């Protein structure tokens, strides 16, 4: 029964988390494949009798006879995973451990960090030919990848044995957790900046798509489109760059020869089917000596745009000046 229960928990939350938690451009949401385990009889005996837990009815009171683990990259993803567990339709939850609460209670301590839930079904759950009875407990552990690495290193070697670890080992372990905590916070800041940039690129892309739709049908490829925008990002940060001026240019008759060329070229070039190519063309017009330096692809793809503005890319790139 516990094997079936563990499989149910992993399948249920793996699907929910993958569908509802953004992983940005960091690949799969889970950095370690979600898994479950059931406690071996010897482990149950050890926990019941040798760890000073004070159980009156050990088998009934031990809540992690089956457990599941989910490992994500970022703290923000961890928080969203927690919300999904707490909002589940047929599983009641009890948060048995939360590292944020432990930090608040012991701000000078740097130890094992994880979020633990005990979940119990509020009704019988049918899994294959097995029935999981109401109120059967399962422990769910949520960790970031950094927290998981720390746990794997220290779980059996430092904290579980009854023998007290040496002060030197404890000190090194505490230092490693302090570093992990700092790194985790920096990862979150990186993710926040990437998310802000993604919002900026999406806003620009939406505006460019509206322009593109007036003369052709773009074939938006987010990875390629964002790649072009990111390469030209330094020009977008210039004080004199104004997106409204890009829009005004394409609303004027002056842009017709550019949009006609892009429309013709789009039939055989995926690059020219990206909304970002409109911005590239405008930047060529405004920053002819700089734009070619930011073009990340073969220059023969860009040269015709220069020629449409009456410039020679080979001549300009040969100058090497701003």
Protein backbone atom coordinates (compact mmCIF):
# COMPACT_ATOMS: atom_id res chain seq x y z
CA UNK A 1 0.00 0.00 0.00
CA UNK A 2 2.74 2.48 0.93
CA UNK A 3 4.50 1.94 -2.41
CA UNK A 4 1.25 2.81 -4.21
CA UNK A 5 0.72 5.82 -1.94
CA UNK A 6 4.22 7.16 -2.59
CA UNK A 7 3.77 6.74 -6.33
CA UNK A 8 0.43 8.57 -6.16
CA UNK A 9 1.95 11.53 -4.27
CA UNK A 10 4.89 11.84 -6.69
CA UNK A 11 2.71 11.58 -9.81
CA UNK A 12 0.09 13.97 -8.43
CA UNK A 13 2.45 16.78 -7.48
CA UNK A 14 4.95 16.31 -10.30
CA UNK A 15 2.19 17.01 -12.82
CA UNK A 16 0.76 19.94 -10.85
CA UNK A 17 4.13 21.59 -10.25
CA UNK A 18 5.31 21.20 -13.83
CA UNK A 19 2.11 22.73 -15.18
CA UNK A 20 1.81 25.63 -12.73
CA UNK A 21 5.35 26.66 -11.78
CA UNK A 22 7.46 28.54 -14.30
CA UNK A 23 10.98 27.28 -14.76
CA UNK A 24 12.01 30.30 -16.88
CA UNK A 25 14.97 29.29 -19.05
CA UNK A 26 16.48 26.97 -16.46
CA UNK A 27 15.39 23.72 -18.10
CA UNK A 28 13.22 21.21 -16.29
CA UNK A 29 11.64 22.48 -13.07
CA UNK A 30 13.00 19.51 -11.12
CA UNK A 31 16.77 19.30 -10.77
CA UNK A 32 16.52 15.86 -9.17
CA UNK A 33 13.84 13.51 -10.43
CA UNK A 34 10.91 13.49 -7.95
CA UNK A 35 10.96 10.27 -5.96
CA UNK A 36 9.44 8.47 -3.01
CA UNK A 37 10.72 5.92 -0.53
CA UNK A 38 9.17 3.64 2.06
CA UNK A 39 10.91 3.03 5.36
CA UNK A 40 12.50 -0.36 5.84
CA UNK A 41 11.44 -2.28 8.97
CA UNK A 42 14.89 -1.84 10.53
CA UNK A 43 14.67 1.92 10.02
CA UNK A 44 11.24 2.02 11.65
CA UNK A 45 12.57 0.10 14.66
CA UNK A 46 15.57 2.42 14.94
CA UNK A 47 13.37 5.50 14.83
CA UNK A 48 10.86 4.09 17.30
CA UNK A 49 13.27 2.70 19.87
CA UNK A 50 16.63 4.40 19.58
CA UNK A 51 16.04 8.08 18.89
CA UNK A 52 14.39 9.18 22.12
CA UNK A 53 11.18 10.15 20.33
CA UNK A 54 8.92 9.06 23.19
CA UNK A 55 6.35 7.25 21.04
CA UNK A 56 3.49 5.51 22.86
CA UNK A 57 2.36 3.68 19.72
CA UNK A 58 5.36 3.93 17.39
CA UNK A 59 3.92 2.34 14.24
CA UNK A 60 0.84 4.56 14.33
CA UNK A 61 2.67 7.73 15.35
CA UNK A 62 5.57 7.58 12.87
CA UNK A 63 4.39 9.78 10.01
CA UNK A 64 7.10 9.14 7.43
CA UNK A 65 6.63 5.44 6.74
CA UNK A 66 6.34 6.71 3.18
CA UNK A 67 7.92 9.94 1.98
CA UNK A 68 8.30 11.92 -1.24
CA UNK A 69 10.89 14.50 -2.21
CA UNK A 70 10.83 17.36 -4.72
CA UNK A 71 13.99 19.34 -5.54
CA UNK A 72 13.80 22.62 -7.49
CA UNK A 73 16.40 25.24 -8.34
CA UNK A 74 15.07 28.44 -6.80
CA UNK A 75 13.55 29.66 -3.57
CA UNK A 76 10.63 31.25 -5.44
CA UNK A 77 9.80 27.88 -7.01
CA UNK A 78 9.91 26.30 -3.55
CA UNK A 79 7.34 28.78 -2.28
CA UNK A 80 5.00 28.03 -5.19
CA UNK A 81 5.40 24.29 -4.64
CA UNK A 82 4.41 24.81 -1.00
CA UNK A 83 1.27 26.65 -2.07
CA UNK A 84 0.24 23.78 -4.35
CA UNK A 85 0.57 21.28 -1.51
CA UNK A 86 -1.42 23.47 0.84
CA UNK A 87 -4.19 24.00 -1.75
CA UNK A 88 -4.71 20.34 -2.67
CA UNK A 89 -8.34 19.22 -2.90
CA UNK A 90 -8.20 15.89 -1.05
CA UNK A 91 -5.04 16.13 1.06
CA UNK A 92 -4.95 17.78 4.44
CA UNK A 93 -1.51 19.06 5.40
CA UNK A 94 0.54 19.79 8.47
CA UNK A 95 3.79 21.69 8.07
CA UNK A 96 6.21 19.79 10.28
CA UNK A 97 9.31 21.77 9.38
CA UNK A 98 9.96 25.13 7.74
CA UNK A 99 13.51 26.46 7.52
CA UNK A 100 12.27 30.07 7.42
CA UNK A 101 10.63 29.67 10.82
CA UNK A 102 13.79 28.03 12.13
CA UNK A 103 15.91 30.92 10.85
CA UNK A 104 13.65 33.36 12.67
CA UNK A 105 13.87 31.40 15.92
CA UNK A 106 17.64 30.83 15.66
CA UNK A 107 19.06 33.64 13.50
CA UNK A 108 22.68 32.80 14.35
CA UNK A 109 22.35 29.12 13.47
CA UNK A 110 23.21 27.65 10.06
CA UNK A 111 21.86 24.12 9.84
CA UNK A 112 19.87 21.70 7.69
CA UNK A 113 17.20 23.51 5.68
CA UNK A 114 14.10 21.98 4.14
CA UNK A 115 10.32 22.27 4.16
CA UNK A 116 8.52 19.19 5.44
CA UNK A 117 4.81 18.45 5.19
CA UNK A 118 2.76 15.59 6.55
CA UNK A 119 -0.19 15.11 4.21
CA UNK A 120 -3.21 12.88 4.77
CA UNK A 121 -6.07 12.09 2.37
CA UNK A 122 -9.47 13.31 3.53
CA UNK A 123 -11.12 10.34 1.81
CA UNK A 124 -10.09 6.91 0.61
CA UNK A 125 -7.92 7.15 -2.51
CA UNK A 126 -7.97 4.42 -5.14
CA UNK A 127 -4.57 3.82 -6.76
CA UNK A 128 -4.70 0.95 -9.23
CA UNK A 129 -6.02 -2.02 -7.28
CA UNK A 130 -4.94 -0.50 -3.96
CA UNK A 131 -6.95 1.72 -1.62
CA UNK A 132 -5.16 4.33 0.48
CA UNK A 133 -7.26 4.75 3.64
CA UNK A 134 -8.38 8.15 4.85
CA UNK A 135 -5.85 9.89 7.13
CA UNK A 136 -2.83 7.79 6.03
CA UNK A 137 0.24 10.02 6.52
CA UNK A 138 2.96 10.72 3.98
CA UNK A 139 5.90 13.06 4.47
CA UNK A 140 6.72 15.44 1.61
CA UNK A 141 10.10 17.19 1.57
CA UNK A 142 10.68 20.31 -0.53
CA UNK A 143 14.20 21.60 -1.12
CA UNK A 144 16.24 23.73 -3.43
CA UNK A 145 19.11 22.05 -5.23
CA UNK A 146 21.62 23.71 -2.90
CA UNK A 147 19.73 22.58 0.19
CA UNK A 148 19.54 19.07 -1.25
CA UNK A 149 23.30 18.95 -1.82
CA UNK A 150 23.88 19.98 1.79
CA UNK A 151 21.42 17.37 3.05
CA UNK A 152 23.01 14.59 1.01
CA UNK A 153 26.42 15.44 2.44
CA UNK A 154 25.42 15.77 6.09
CA UNK A 155 22.32 13.65 6.65
CA UNK A 156 24.01 10.41 7.60
CA UNK A 157 27.49 11.64 8.46
CA UNK A 158 26.79 14.44 10.92
CA UNK A 159 23.30 14.56 12.37
CA UNK A 160 21.79 11.09 12.38
CA UNK A 161 24.45 9.19 14.34
CA UNK A 162 24.15 9.27 18.11
CA UNK A 163 27.84 10.11 18.26
CA UNK A 164 28.34 13.86 18.42
CA UNK A 165 30.30 15.22 15.46
CA UNK A 166 33.57 16.91 16.29
CA UNK A 167 33.52 20.71 16.68
CA UNK A 168 35.76 21.10 13.62
CA UNK A 169 33.31 19.16 11.45
CA UNK A 170 30.33 21.03 12.86
CA UNK A 171 32.05 24.34 12.17
CA UNK A 172 32.81 23.46 8.55
CA UNK A 173 29.25 22.21 8.04
CA UNK A 174 27.81 25.44 9.49
CA UNK A 175 30.07 27.51 7.21
CA UNK A 176 28.91 25.53 4.19
CA UNK A 177 25.25 26.18 5.04
CA UNK A 178 25.96 29.89 5.50
CA UNK A 179 27.51 29.93 2.02
CA UNK A 180 24.59 27.95 0.58
CA UNK A 181 22.09 30.37 2.12
CA UNK A 182 23.95 33.35 0.66
CA UNK A 183 24.21 31.69 -2.75
CA UNK A 184 20.50 30.88 -2.69
CA UNK A 185 19.68 34.53 -2.05
CA UNK A 186 21.94 35.59 -4.93
CA UNK A 187 20.26 33.04 -7.22
CA UNK A 188 16.90 34.60 -6.32
CA UNK A 189 18.20 38.07 -7.22
CA UNK A 190 19.49 36.77 -10.55
CA UNK A 191 16.11 35.18 -11.24
CA UNK A 192 14.33 38.43 -10.37
CA UNK A 193 16.51 40.42 -12.78
CA UNK A 194 15.99 37.84 -15.54
CA UNK A 195 12.25 37.93 -14.95
CA UNK A 196 12.22 41.75 -15.16
CA UNK A 197 14.19 41.60 -18.39
CA UNK A 198 11.83 38.98 -19.78
CA UNK A 199 8.88 41.27 -19.03
CA UNK A 200 10.66 44.14 -20.79
CA UNK A 201 11.37 41.99 -23.85
CA UNK A 202 7.79 40.73 -23.93
CA UNK A 203 6.45 44.29 -23.81
CA UNK A 204 8.74 45.33 -26.67
CA UNK A 205 7.81 42.20 -28.63
CA UNK A 206 4.09 42.88 -28.21
CA UNK A 207 4.56 46.37 -29.63
CA UNK A 208 6.67 45.11 -32.53
CA UNK A 209 4.17 42.33 -33.27
CA UNK A 210 1.39 44.89 -33.65
CA UNK A 211 3.53 46.66 -36.25
CA UNK A 212 4.47 43.42 -38.02
CA UNK A 213 0.84 42.29 -38.20
CA UNK A 214 0.01 45.28 -40.39
CA UNK A 215 2.07 44.03 -43.33
CA UNK A 216 2.72 40.32 -42.73
CA UNK A 217 2.34 37.40 -40.31
CA UNK A 218 5.27 36.99 -37.93
CA UNK A 219 6.38 33.50 -36.96
CA UNK A 220 7.31 34.24 -33.37
CA UNK A 221 10.05 32.05 -31.94
CA UNK A 222 10.61 33.28 -28.40
CA UNK A 223 14.12 31.91 -28.09
CA UNK A 224 15.34 33.45 -31.34
CA UNK A 225 13.43 36.69 -30.86
CA UNK A 226 14.73 37.18 -27.31
CA UNK A 227 18.22 36.27 -28.49
CA UNK A 228 18.15 39.17 -30.94
CA UNK A 229 16.75 41.56 -28.34
CA UNK A 230 19.37 40.55 -25.79
CA UNK A 231 22.21 41.11 -28.26
CA UNK A 232 20.99 44.65 -28.89
CA UNK A 233 20.18 45.30 -25.22
CA UNK A 234 23.05 47.83 -24.77
CA UNK A 235 21.47 50.05 -27.42
CA UNK A 236 18.06 49.79 -25.74
CA UNK A 237 19.66 51.13 -22.56
CA UNK A 238 20.89 54.31 -24.23
CA UNK A 239 19.42 57.52 -22.83
CA UNK A 240 18.24 58.66 -26.24
CA UNK A 241 16.49 55.39 -27.15
CA UNK A 242 12.71 55.69 -27.08
CA UNK A 243 10.41 52.85 -28.09
CA UNK A 244 7.71 55.32 -29.06
CA UNK A 245 10.04 56.66 -31.75
CA UNK A 246 10.32 53.13 -33.17
CA UNK A 247 6.53 52.95 -33.35
CA UNK A 248 6.32 56.42 -34.92
CA UNK A 249 8.88 55.45 -37.58
CA UNK A 250 6.91 52.39 -38.65
CA UNK A 251 3.66 54.35 -38.71
CA UNK A 252 5.22 56.80 -41.17
CA UNK A 253 5.54 56.31 -44.93
CA UNK A 254 9.31 56.48 -44.51
CA UNK A 255 9.35 52.87 -43.31
CA UNK A 256 7.57 51.33 -46.32
CA UNK A 257 10.75 50.26 -48.12
CA UNK A 258 11.95 48.50 -44.95
CA UNK A 259 8.69 46.70 -44.24
CA UNK A 260 8.43 45.64 -47.89
CA UNK A 261 11.93 44.19 -47.77
CA UNK A 262 11.26 42.38 -44.47
CA UNK A 263 8.03 40.98 -45.91
CA UNK A 264 9.84 39.68 -49.02
CA UNK A 265 12.73 38.26 -47.01
CA UNK A 266 10.44 36.57 -44.47
CA UNK A 267 9.40 33.91 -46.97
CA UNK A 268 12.83 32.27 -46.82
CA UNK A 269 14.34 33.51 -43.53
CA UNK A 270 13.13 32.65 -40.02
CA UNK A 271 15.14 35.61 -38.71
CA UNK A 272 13.06 38.01 -40.78
CA UNK A 273 9.86 36.48 -39.45
CA UNK A 274 10.73 37.63 -35.91
CA UNK A 275 9.18 40.86 -34.61
CA UNK A 276 12.63 41.82 -33.29
CA UNK A 277 13.92 42.33 -36.84
CA UNK A 278 11.86 45.54 -36.95
CA UNK A 279 13.78 46.86 -33.99
CA UNK A 280 17.08 45.77 -35.52
CA UNK A 281 16.28 47.73 -38.68
CA UNK A 282 15.41 50.83 -36.67
CA UNK A 283 18.65 50.55 -34.69
CA UNK A 284 20.60 50.30 -37.94
CA UNK A 285 19.00 53.59 -38.98
CA UNK A 286 19.78 55.32 -35.69
CA UNK A 287 23.09 53.71 -34.69
CA UNK A 288 24.69 52.55 -37.92
CA UNK A 289 28.22 52.38 -36.49
CA UNK A 290 27.14 50.41 -33.43
CA UNK A 291 24.36 48.16 -34.69
CA UNK A 292 26.60 45.90 -36.76
CA UNK A 293 28.76 45.21 -33.70
CA UNK A 294 25.75 43.75 -31.89
CA UNK A 295 24.49 41.64 -34.79
CA UNK A 296 25.19 38.05 -33.67
CA UNK A 297 24.62 36.28 -36.99
CA UNK A 298 26.38 36.29 -40.38
CA UNK A 299 26.68 39.84 -41.68
CA UNK A 300 25.23 38.99 -45.07
CA UNK A 301 21.86 38.70 -43.29
CA UNK A 302 22.18 42.28 -42.08
CA UNK A 303 23.87 43.96 -45.05
CA UNK A 304 20.65 44.44 -47.10
CA UNK A 305 19.07 46.43 -44.26
CA UNK A 306 22.07 48.76 -44.28
CA UNK A 307 21.76 49.17 -48.02
CA UNK A 308 18.06 50.08 -47.69
CA UNK A 309 19.15 53.06 -45.61
CA UNK A 310 21.84 53.94 -48.13
CA UNK A 311 24.74 52.56 -46.07
CA UNK A 312 27.42 50.06 -46.98
CA UNK A 313 27.91 47.58 -44.14
CA UNK A 314 31.32 46.52 -45.41
CA UNK A 315 32.42 50.15 -45.43
CA UNK A 316 30.99 50.88 -41.99
CA UNK A 317 32.31 47.74 -40.33
CA UNK A 318 35.70 48.39 -41.87
CA UNK A 319 35.91 51.75 -40.09
CA UNK A 320 35.68 50.15 -36.68
CA UNK A 321 34.78 53.51 -35.12
CA UNK A 322 31.74 54.85 -33.31
